[in-house]
């Protein structure tokens, strides 16, 4: 292991330590903002670049279903 890898390993551990000290509510709030950001961004991309109305509707529904699945996975992880 070279010197750079050794330092990166130690630094990554130092960064991970505060994760254990963060409340579950803060993590849930963070992930809810992440999912909101992803959902809104994908909605804008779909509305801008998909011109077929049927495909646009399909992709928007799939976007919502994926968000629900992500939220379900996070809730299962947190609970």
Foldseek 3Di string as FASTA:
>chain_A
DDPVVVVVVVVVVVVCVCVVVDDLVVVLVVVVVVLVVVLVVVLVVLVVPPDDPVVSVVVNVVSVVVSVVVNVVVVVVSD
